[in-house]
C-alpha atoms as a PDB file:
ATOM      1  CA  MET A   1     -11.043   8.113   5.044  1.00  0.00           C
ATOM      2  CA  ASP A   2      -8.119  10.196   3.814  1.00  0.00           C
ATOM      3  CA  ALA A   3      -6.536   8.134   1.076  1.00  0.00           C
ATOM      4  CA  THR A   4      -3.182   9.824   1.604  1.00  0.00           C
ATOM      5  CA  THR A   5      -2.848   8.460   5.157  1.00  0.00           C
ATOM      6  CA  THR A   6      -0.984   5.181   4.818  1.00  0.00           C
ATOM      7  CA  SER A   7       0.242   4.338   8.311  1.00  0.00           C
ATOM      8  CA  PRO A   8      -0.165   5.143  12.008  1.00  0.00           C
ATOM      9  CA  LEU A   9       3.379   6.515  12.338  1.00  0.00           C
ATOM     10  CA  ALA A  10       2.770   8.854   9.410  1.00  0.00           C
ATOM     11  CA  ALA A  11       0.308  10.709  11.618  1.00  0.00           C
ATOM     12  CA  THR A  12       2.853  11.645  14.302  1.00  0.00           C
ATOM     13  CA  ASN A  13       5.818  13.998  14.308  1.00  0.00           C
ATOM     14  CA  ALA A  14       7.400  12.325  17.329  1.00  0.00           C
ATOM     15  CA  VAL A  15      11.177  12.041  17.071  1.00  0.00           C
ATOM     16  CA  PHE A  16      11.177   8.266  17.620  1.00  0.00           C
ATOM     17  CA  ALA A  17       8.615   7.837  14.814  1.00  0.00           C
ATOM     18  CA  ARG A  18      10.877   9.678  12.366  1.00  0.00           C
ATOM     19  CA  ILE A  19      13.803   7.439  13.308  1.00  0.00           C
ATOM     20  CA  ALA A  20      11.696   4.271  13.057  1.00  0.00           C
ATOM     21  CA  ARG A  21      10.439   5.298   9.597  1.00  0.00           C
ATOM     22  CA  ASP A  22      13.944   6.039   8.353  1.00  0.00           C
ATOM     23  CA  ILE A  23      15.461   2.792   9.582  1.00  0.00           C
ATOM     24  CA  GLY A  24      12.339   0.830   8.568  1.00  0.00           C
ATOM     25  CA  ARG A  25      12.598   2.111   5.001  1.00  0.00           C
ATOM     26  CA  ARG A  26      16.278   1.174   4.836  1.00  0.00           C
ATOM     27  CA  ILE A  27      15.445  -2.340   5.993  1.00  0.00           C
ATOM     28  CA  ALA A  28      12.460  -2.721   3.649  1.00  0.00           C
ATOM     29  CA  SER A  29      14.510  -1.559   0.667  1.00  0.00           C
ATOM     30  CA  GLY A  30      17.329  -3.983   1.437  1.00  0.00           C
ATOM     31  CA  GLN A  31      19.783  -1.157   2.126  1.00  0.00           C
ATOM     32  CA  ILE A  32      20.182  -2.831   5.513  1.00  0.00           C
ATOM     33  CA  PRO A  33      19.775  -6.517   4.569  1.00  0.00           C
ATOM     34  CA  GLU A  34      18.281  -9.372   6.539  1.00  0.00           C
ATOM     35  CA  GLY A  35      20.749 -10.657   9.114  1.00  0.00           C
ATOM     36  CA  ALA A  36      22.729  -7.415   9.221  1.00  0.00           C
ATOM     37  CA  VAL A  37      23.645  -5.828  12.544  1.00  0.00           C
ATOM     38  CA  LEU A  38      22.244  -2.354  13.125  1.00  0.00           C
ATOM     39  CA  PRO A  39      24.636   0.400  14.230  1.00  0.00           C
ATOM     40  CA  LYS A  40      25.001   0.713  17.984  1.00  0.00           C
ATOM     41  CA  GLU A  41      22.697   3.057  19.882  1.00  0.00           C
ATOM     42  CA  VAL A  42      25.467   5.649  20.290  1.00  0.00           C
ATOM     43  CA  ALA A  43      26.051   5.729  16.529  1.00  0.00           C
ATOM     44  CA  LEU A  44      22.314   6.137  15.862  1.00  0.00           C
ATOM     45  CA  GLN A  45      22.172   8.945  18.435  1.00  0.00           C
ATOM     46  CA  GLU A  46      24.921  10.752  16.574  1.00  0.00           C
ATOM     47  CA  GLU A  47      23.413  10.127  13.141  1.00  0.00           C
ATOM     48  CA  PHE A  48      19.957  11.409  14.047  1.00  0.00           C
ATOM     49  CA  GLY A  49      21.040  13.966  16.651  1.00  0.00           C
ATOM     50  CA  VAL A  50      18.654  12.602  19.264  1.00  0.00           C
ATOM     51  CA  SER A  51      18.636  11.189  22.767  1.00  0.00           C
ATOM     52  CA  ARG A  52      19.291   7.571  23.669  1.00  0.00           C
ATOM     53  CA  GLN A  53      15.669   7.290  24.785  1.00  0.00           C
ATOM     54  CA  ALA A  54      14.420   8.327  21.322  1.00  0.00           C
ATOM     55  CA  VAL A  55      16.638   5.704  19.674  1.00  0.00           C
ATOM     56  CA  ARG A  56      15.439   3.026  22.067  1.00  0.00           C
ATOM     57  CA  GLU A  57      11.787   3.918  21.434  1.00  0.00           C
ATOM     58  CA  ALA A  58      12.378   3.697  17.671  1.00  0.00           C
ATOM     59  CA  LEU A  59      14.054   0.308  17.974  1.00  0.00           C
ATOM     60  CA  LYS A  60      11.223  -0.873  20.206  1.00  0.00           C
ATOM     61  CA  VAL A  61       8.742   0.025  17.442  1.00  0.00           C
ATOM     62  CA  LEU A  62      10.745  -1.908  14.851  1.00  0.00           C
ATOM     63  CA  GLY A  63      11.044  -4.871  17.199  1.00  0.00           C
ATOM     64  CA  GLU A  64       7.298  -4.962  17.793  1.00  0.00           C
ATOM     65  CA  LYS A  65       6.790  -5.068  14.029  1.00  0.00           C
ATOM     66  CA  GLY A  66       9.104  -8.079  13.755  1.00  0.00           C
ATOM     67  CA  MET A  67      11.746  -6.268  11.697  1.00  0.00           C
ATOM     68  CA  ILE A  68      14.623  -6.432  14.177  1.00  0.00           C
ATOM     69  CA  THR A  69      15.730  -8.726  16.992  1.00  0.00           C
ATOM     70  CA  ALA A  70      18.051  -7.835  19.863  1.00  0.00           C
ATOM     71  CA  ARG A  71      20.513 -10.519  20.973  1.00  0.00           C
ATOM     72  CA  LYS A  72      22.213 -10.145  24.303  1.00  0.00           C
ATOM     73  CA  ARG A  73      25.840  -9.079  23.925  1.00  0.00           C
ATOM     74  CA  ALA A  74      25.622  -9.556  20.138  1.00  0.00           C
ATOM     75  CA  GLY A  75      23.685  -6.467  19.027  1.00  0.00           C
ATOM     76  CA  THR A  76      20.470  -5.791  17.165  1.00  0.00           C
ATOM     77  CA  PHE A  77      19.912  -7.739  13.955  1.00  0.00           C
ATOM     78  CA  VAL A  78      17.542  -7.319  11.024  1.00  0.00           C
ATOM     79  CA  SER A  79      15.090 -10.217  11.182  1.00  0.00           C
ATOM     80  CA  ALA A  80      14.257 -12.478   8.257  1.00  0.00           C
ATOM     81  CA  ARG A  81      11.438 -11.009   6.197  1.00  0.00           C
ATOM     82  CA  ALA A  82       9.286 -14.045   6.951  1.00  0.00           C
ATOM     83  CA  GLY A  83       9.020 -12.762  10.517  1.00  0.00           C
ATOM     84  CA  TRP A  84       7.975  -9.212   9.633  1.00  0.00           C
ATOM     85  CA  ASN A  85       4.394  -8.188  10.292  1.00  0.00           C
ATOM     86  CA  LEU A  86       3.393  -7.489   6.710  1.00  0.00           C
ATOM     87  CA  LEU A  87      -0.163  -6.757   7.822  1.00  0.00           C
ATOM     88  CA  ASP A  88       1.176  -3.742   9.695  1.00  0.00           C
ATOM     89  CA  PRO A  89       0.378  -0.564   7.720  1.00  0.00           C
ATOM     90  CA  ASP A  90       3.726   1.005   8.694  1.00  0.00           C
ATOM     91  CA  VAL A  91       5.741  -1.965   7.444  1.00  0.00           C
ATOM     92  CA  LEU A  92       3.795  -1.935   4.191  1.00  0.00           C
ATOM     93  CA  SER A  93       4.168   1.818   3.710  1.00  0.00           C
ATOM     94  CA  TRP A  94       7.947   1.569   4.137  1.00  0.00           C
ATOM     95  CA  HIS A  95       8.204  -0.582   1.010  1.00  0.00           C
ATOM     96  CA  SER A  96       8.609   0.969  -2.389  1.00  0.00           C
ATOM     97  CA  ALA A  97       7.274  -0.702  -5.513  1.00  0.00           C
ATOM     98  CA  GLY A  98      10.777  -1.822  -6.420  1.00  0.00           C
ATOM     99  CA  SER A  99      11.555  -3.332  -3.009  1.00  0.00           C
ATOM    100  CA  LEU A 100       8.438  -5.476  -2.789  1.00  0.00           C
ATOM    101  CA  PRO A 101       9.414  -9.159  -3.248  1.00  0.00           C
ATOM    102  CA  ASP A 102       7.626 -11.145  -5.948  1.00  0.00           C
ATOM    103  CA  THR A 103       6.039 -13.405  -3.337  1.00  0.00           C
ATOM    104  CA  VAL A 104       4.527 -10.423  -1.510  1.00  0.00           C
ATOM    105  CA  LEU A 105       3.358  -8.987  -4.822  1.00  0.00           C
ATOM    106  CA  ARG A 106       1.652 -12.294  -5.566  1.00  0.00           C
ATOM    107  CA  ASP A 107       0.012 -12.210  -2.146  1.00  0.00           C
ATOM    108  CA  LEU A 108      -1.175  -8.643  -2.805  1.00  0.00           C
ATOM    109  CA  VAL A 109      -2.825  -9.719  -6.049  1.00  0.00           C
ATOM    110  CA  GLU A 110      -4.509 -12.666  -4.354  1.00  0.00           C
ATOM    111  CA  LEU A 111      -5.753 -10.496  -1.468  1.00  0.00           C
ATOM    112  CA  ARG A 112      -7.247  -7.924  -3.815  1.00  0.00           C
ATOM    113  CA  ARG A 113      -8.960 -10.648  -5.858  1.00  0.00           C
ATOM    114  CA  ALA A 114     -10.441 -12.097  -2.668  1.00  0.00           C
ATOM    115  CA  VAL A 115     -11.612  -8.867  -1.058  1.00  0.00           C
ATOM    116  CA  GLU A 116     -12.530  -6.318  -3.704  1.00  0.00           C
ATOM    117  CA  PRO A 117     -15.216  -8.217  -5.675  1.00  0.00           C
ATOM    118  CA  LEU A 118     -16.977  -8.943  -2.368  1.00  0.00           C
ATOM    119  CA  ALA A 119     -16.615  -5.338  -1.199  1.00  0.00           C
ATOM    120  CA  VAL A 120     -18.100  -3.977  -4.407  1.00  0.00           C
ATOM    121  CA  THR A 121     -20.972  -6.482  -4.300  1.00  0.00           C
ATOM    122  CA  LEU A 122     -21.852  -5.339  -0.794  1.00  0.00           C
ATOM    123  CA  ALA A 123     -21.490  -1.694  -1.809  1.00  0.00           C
ATOM    124  CA  ALA A 124     -24.031  -2.228  -4.602  1.00  0.00           C
ATOM    125  CA  GLN A 125     -26.457  -3.604  -2.029  1.00  0.00           C
ATOM    126  CA  ARG A 126     -25.823  -1.181   0.821  1.00  0.00           C
ATOM    127  CA  ALA A 127     -24.380   2.120  -0.387  1.00  0.00           C
ATOM    128  CA  ASP A 128     -26.486   5.130   0.577  1.00  0.00           C
ATOM    129  CA  ASP A 129     -26.549   8.445  -1.276  1.00  0.00           C
ATOM    130  CA  ALA A 130     -23.600   9.826   0.689  1.00  0.00           C
ATOM    131  CA  ALA A 131     -21.467   6.762  -0.036  1.00  0.00           C
ATOM    132  CA  LEU A 132     -22.365   6.862  -3.726  1.00  0.00           C
ATOM    133  CA  ALA A 133     -21.445  10.540  -3.790  1.00  0.00           C
ATOM    134  CA  ARG A 134     -17.984   9.794  -2.364  1.00  0.00           C
ATOM    135  CA  ILE A 135     -17.316   7.038  -4.890  1.00  0.00           C
ATOM    136  CA  GLY A 136     -18.616   9.241  -7.697  1.00  0.00           C
ATOM    137  CA  ALA A 137     -16.461  12.172  -6.581  1.00  0.00           C
ATOM    138  CA  ALA A 138     -13.347   9.975  -6.618  1.00  0.00           C
ATOM    139  CA  LEU A 139     -14.271   8.752 -10.095  1.00  0.00           C
ATOM    140  CA  GLU A 140     -14.693  12.345 -11.294  1.00  0.00           C
ATOM    141  CA  ASP A 141     -11.274  13.200  -9.847  1.00  0.00           C
ATOM    142  CA  MET A 142      -9.862  10.316 -11.878  1.00  0.00           C
ATOM    143  CA  ARG A 143     -11.441  11.703 -15.034  1.00  0.00           C
ATOM    144  CA  VAL A 144     -10.082  15.188 -14.364  1.00  0.00           C
ATOM    145  CA  GLY A 145      -6.668  13.753 -13.501  1.00  0.00           C
ATOM    146  CA  ALA A 146      -6.368  11.537 -16.567  1.00  0.00           C
ATOM    147  CA  GLY A 147      -3.559  13.766 -17.819  1.00  0.00           C
ATOM    148  CA  ASP A 148      -1.565  13.520 -14.575  1.00  0.00           C
ATOM    149  CA  GLN A 149      -0.555  10.088 -13.284  1.00  0.00           C
ATOM    150  CA  THR A 150       0.031  11.244  -9.701  1.00  0.00           C
ATOM    151  CA  GLN A 151      -3.352  12.936  -9.442  1.00  0.00           C
ATOM    152  CA  PHE A 152      -5.066  10.033 -11.200  1.00  0.00           C
ATOM    153  CA  TYR A 153      -3.728   7.360  -8.859  1.00  0.00           C
ATOM    154  CA  LYS A 154      -4.396   9.431  -5.758  1.00  0.00           C
ATOM    155  CA  ALA A 155      -8.047   9.551  -6.867  1.00  0.00           C
ATOM    156  CA  ASP A 156      -7.871   5.845  -7.761  1.00  0.00           C
ATOM    157  CA  ILE A 157      -6.914   4.956  -4.181  1.00  0.00           C
ATOM    158  CA  ALA A 158      -9.759   7.135  -2.886  1.00  0.00           C
ATOM    159  CA  PHE A 159     -12.151   5.309  -5.231  1.00  0.00           C
ATOM    160  CA  HIS A 160     -11.256   1.880  -3.854  1.00  0.00           C
ATOM    161  CA  LEU A 161     -11.229   2.991  -0.215  1.00  0.00           C
ATOM    162  CA  SER A 162     -14.643   4.595  -0.693  1.00  0.00           C
ATOM    163  CA  ILE A 163     -15.960   1.252  -1.942  1.00  0.00           C
ATOM    164  CA  PHE A 164     -14.580  -0.517   1.138  1.00  0.00           C
ATOM    165  CA  ASP A 165     -16.359   2.048   3.294  1.00  0.00           C
ATOM    166  CA  ALA A 166     -19.587   1.720   1.294  1.00  0.00           C
ATOM    167  CA  SER A 167     -19.578  -2.060   1.784  1.00  0.00           C
ATOM    168  CA  GLY A 168     -21.035  -1.538   5.240  1.00  0.00           C
ATOM    169  CA  ASN A 169     -18.828  -4.373   6.502  1.00  0.00           C
ATOM    170  CA  SER A 170     -16.766  -3.262   9.497  1.00  0.00           C
ATOM    171  CA  LEU A 171     -14.027  -5.843   8.875  1.00  0.00           C
ATOM    172  CA  ILE A 172     -13.630  -4.820   5.230  1.00  0.00           C
ATOM    173  CA  ARG A 173     -13.492  -1.206   6.362  1.00  0.00           C
ATOM    174  CA  GLN A 174     -10.668  -2.063   8.744  1.00  0.00           C
ATOM    175  CA  LEU A 175      -8.848  -3.939   6.005  1.00  0.00           C
ATOM    176  CA  SER A 176      -8.557  -0.605   4.211  1.00  0.00           C
ATOM    177  CA  THR A 177      -5.753   0.384   6.615  1.00  0.00           C
ATOM    178  CA  ILE A 178      -3.793  -2.552   5.228  1.00  0.00           C
ATOM    179  CA  LEU A 179      -4.904  -2.196   1.618  1.00  0.00           C
ATOM    180  CA  ALA A 180      -4.209   1.541   1.308  1.00  0.00           C
ATOM    181  CA  PRO A 181      -0.391   1.181   1.269  1.00  0.00           C
ATOM    182  CA  LEU A 182      -0.708  -1.964  -0.862  1.00  0.00           C
ATOM    183  CA  LEU A 183      -2.796  -0.023  -3.368  1.00  0.00           C
ATOM    184  CA  ARG A 184      -0.158   2.711  -3.406  1.00  0.00           C
ATOM    185  CA  ILE A 185       2.530   0.159  -4.241  1.00  0.00           C
ATOM    186  CA  SER A 186       0.288  -1.448  -6.838  1.00  0.00           C
ATOM    187  CA  PHE A 187      -0.394   1.880  -8.506  1.00  0.00           C
ATOM    188  CA  ASP A 188       3.281   2.897  -8.383  1.00  0.00           C
ATOM    189  CA  LEU A 189       3.986  -0.196 -10.472  1.00  0.00           C
ATOM    190  CA  GLN A 190       1.178   0.626 -12.878  1.00  0.00           C
ATOM    191  CA  MET A 191       2.558   4.146 -13.304  1.00  0.00           C
ATOM    192  CA  GLU A 192       5.883   2.685 -14.401  1.00  0.00           C
ATOM    193  CA  ALA A 193       4.102   0.499 -16.955  1.00  0.00           C
ATOM    194  CA  HIS A 194       2.458   3.622 -18.481  1.00  0.00           C
ATOM    195  CA  GLU A 195      -1.122   2.471 -18.185  1.00  0.00           C
ATOM    196  CA  ASN A 196      -3.642   4.121 -20.515  1.00  0.00           C
ATOM    197  CA  LEU A 197      -5.336   6.319 -17.929  1.00  0.00           C
ATOM    198  CA  LEU A 198      -8.438   7.018 -19.992  1.00  0.00           C
ATOM    199  CA  GLU A 199      -9.072   3.297 -20.365  1.00  0.00           C
ATOM    200  CA  GLY A 200      -8.421   2.932 -16.653  1.00  0.00           C
ATOM    201  CA  TYR A 201     -11.019   5.595 -15.921  1.00  0.00           C
ATOM    202  CA  GLU A 202     -13.587   3.833 -18.110  1.00  0.00           C
ATOM    203  CA  ALA A 203     -12.971   0.519 -16.292  1.00  0.00           C
ATOM    204  CA  HIS A 204     -13.605   2.234 -12.964  1.00  0.00           C
ATOM    205  CA  ALA A 205     -16.687   3.969 -14.357  1.00  0.00           C
ATOM    206  CA  ALA A 206     -18.174   0.559 -15.208  1.00  0.00           C
ATOM    207  CA  VAL A 207     -17.725  -0.467 -11.573  1.00  0.00           C
ATOM    208  CA  PHE A 208     -19.378   2.712 -10.319  1.00  0.00           C
ATOM    209  CA  HIS A 209     -22.361   2.494 -12.652  1.00  0.00           C
ATOM    210  CA  ALA A 210     -23.023  -1.089 -11.521  1.00  0.00           C
ATOM    211  CA  ILE A 211     -22.898   0.006  -7.868  1.00  0.00           C
ATOM    212  CA  GLU A 212     -25.172   2.926  -8.637  1.00  0.00           C
ATOM    213  CA  ALA A 213     -27.653   0.551 -10.307  1.00  0.00           C
ATOM    214  CA  GLY A 214     -27.607  -1.722  -7.274  1.00  0.00           C
ATOM    215  CA  ASP A 215     -26.437  -4.652  -9.403  1.00  0.00           C
ATOM    216  CA  GLY A 216     -24.029  -6.616  -7.208  1.00  0.00           C
ATOM    217  CA  ALA A 217     -23.256  -9.288  -9.795  1.00  0.00           C
ATOM    218  CA  ALA A 218     -22.413  -6.724 -12.463  1.00  0.00           C
ATOM    219  CA  ALA A 219     -20.337  -4.727  -9.976  1.00  0.00           C
ATOM    220  CA  SER A 220     -18.352  -7.822  -8.996  1.00  0.00           C
ATOM    221  CA  ALA A 221     -17.764  -8.757 -12.646  1.00  0.00           C
ATOM    222  CA  ALA A 222     -16.641  -5.210 -13.482  1.00  0.00           C
ATOM    223  CA  MET A 223     -14.270  -5.190 -10.508  1.00  0.00           C
ATOM    224  CA  SER A 224     -12.814  -8.555 -11.546  1.00  0.00           C
ATOM    225  CA  ARG A 225     -12.141  -7.167 -15.038  1.00  0.00           C
ATOM    226  CA  LEU A 226     -10.550  -4.107 -13.463  1.00  0.00           C
ATOM    227  CA  LEU A 227      -8.301  -6.290 -11.319  1.00  0.00           C
ATOM    228  CA  ASP A 228      -7.322  -8.386 -14.354  1.00  0.00           C
ATOM    229  CA  ARG A 229      -6.235  -5.175 -16.035  1.00  0.00           C
ATOM    230  CA  SER A 230      -4.319  -4.032 -12.949  1.00  0.00           C
ATOM    231  CA  VAL A 231      -2.493  -7.355 -12.617  1.00  0.00           C
ATOM    232  CA  THR A 232      -1.421  -7.205 -16.265  1.00  0.00           C
ATOM    233  CA  GLU A 233       0.018  -3.710 -15.722  1.00  0.00           C
ATOM    234  CA  ILE A 234       1.758  -4.717 -12.484  1.00  0.00           C
ATOM    235  CA  TYR A 235       3.566  -7.676 -14.015  1.00  0.00           C
ATOM    236  CA  ARG A 236       4.409  -5.685 -17.142  1.00  0.00           C
ATOM    237  CA  SER A 237       6.075  -3.149 -14.855  1.00  0.00           C
ATOM    238  CA  LYS A 238       8.029  -5.888 -13.091  1.00  0.00           C
ATOM    239  CA  SER A 239       9.200  -7.179 -16.473  1.00  0.00           C
ATOM    240  CA  ILE A 240      10.287  -3.679 -17.509  1.00  0.00           C
ATOM    241  CA  SER A 241      12.207  -3.256 -14.242  1.00  0.00           C
ATOM    242  CA  ARG A 242      14.009  -6.567 -14.651  1.00  0.00           C
ATOM    243  CA  ARG A 243      15.027  -5.754 -18.228  1.00  0.00           C
ATOM    244  CA  ARG A 244      16.279  -2.329 -17.138  1.00  0.00           C
ATOM    245  CA  ASP A 245      18.261  -3.844 -14.251  1.00  0.00           C
ATOM    246  CA  SER A 246      19.874  -6.444 -16.516  1.00  0.00           C
ATOM    247  CA  VAL A 247      20.963  -3.744 -18.986  1.00  0.00           C
ATOM    248  CA  SER A 248      22.423  -1.564 -16.229  1.00  0.00           C
ATOM    249  CA  ARG A 249      24.606  -4.385 -14.839  1.00  0.00           C
END
């Protein structure tokens, strides 16, 4: 799987997809808040320079994802976040690290703790030579990229997605479409916290060596330690952001 592909709409250049992404990102960031009325179709046509049909298709996409609701004679409103389909890869990819609510961040942490130790245990039991080679290649890219945060975390995402694939569990593999954008957000937060990338590489190497040895228990323990480290960095980043916001007010 290409670790850079984070959502279905990212794979299309259709005009309606571009409009849906743009409006979706504004909603996810809070630029257009919950309960707000979207501009009328004519105004969106003018803004994006597109046909009415393209605007309607874009709004249909956002409606299907639970982000907006049309009310007869009242307009189209941004839905409460509780109604958004947060398991939708597009909705997830439209969030930035800063716009992710604390409750969703908590849910992300809990999901990773539930899924990744199991995935790595299964990978230790089932990974063939090709799967091990993909995980190892991602790990090597992390080592090479230890001086460049962007390169490092791109390889980090590939490392985790390769483990999901190596688990041999079709449901865990499909979860990767959800977890890929969540991992991106997670790693964006870790970048802001200035994680020690060399130490991060070594933590991932411990996971890989346990998989390579076929030791599921050791792989699960190493992944749990890695997640503990990640969670510490994520919440440190949130603390830094809050302090910075309070100073800027």
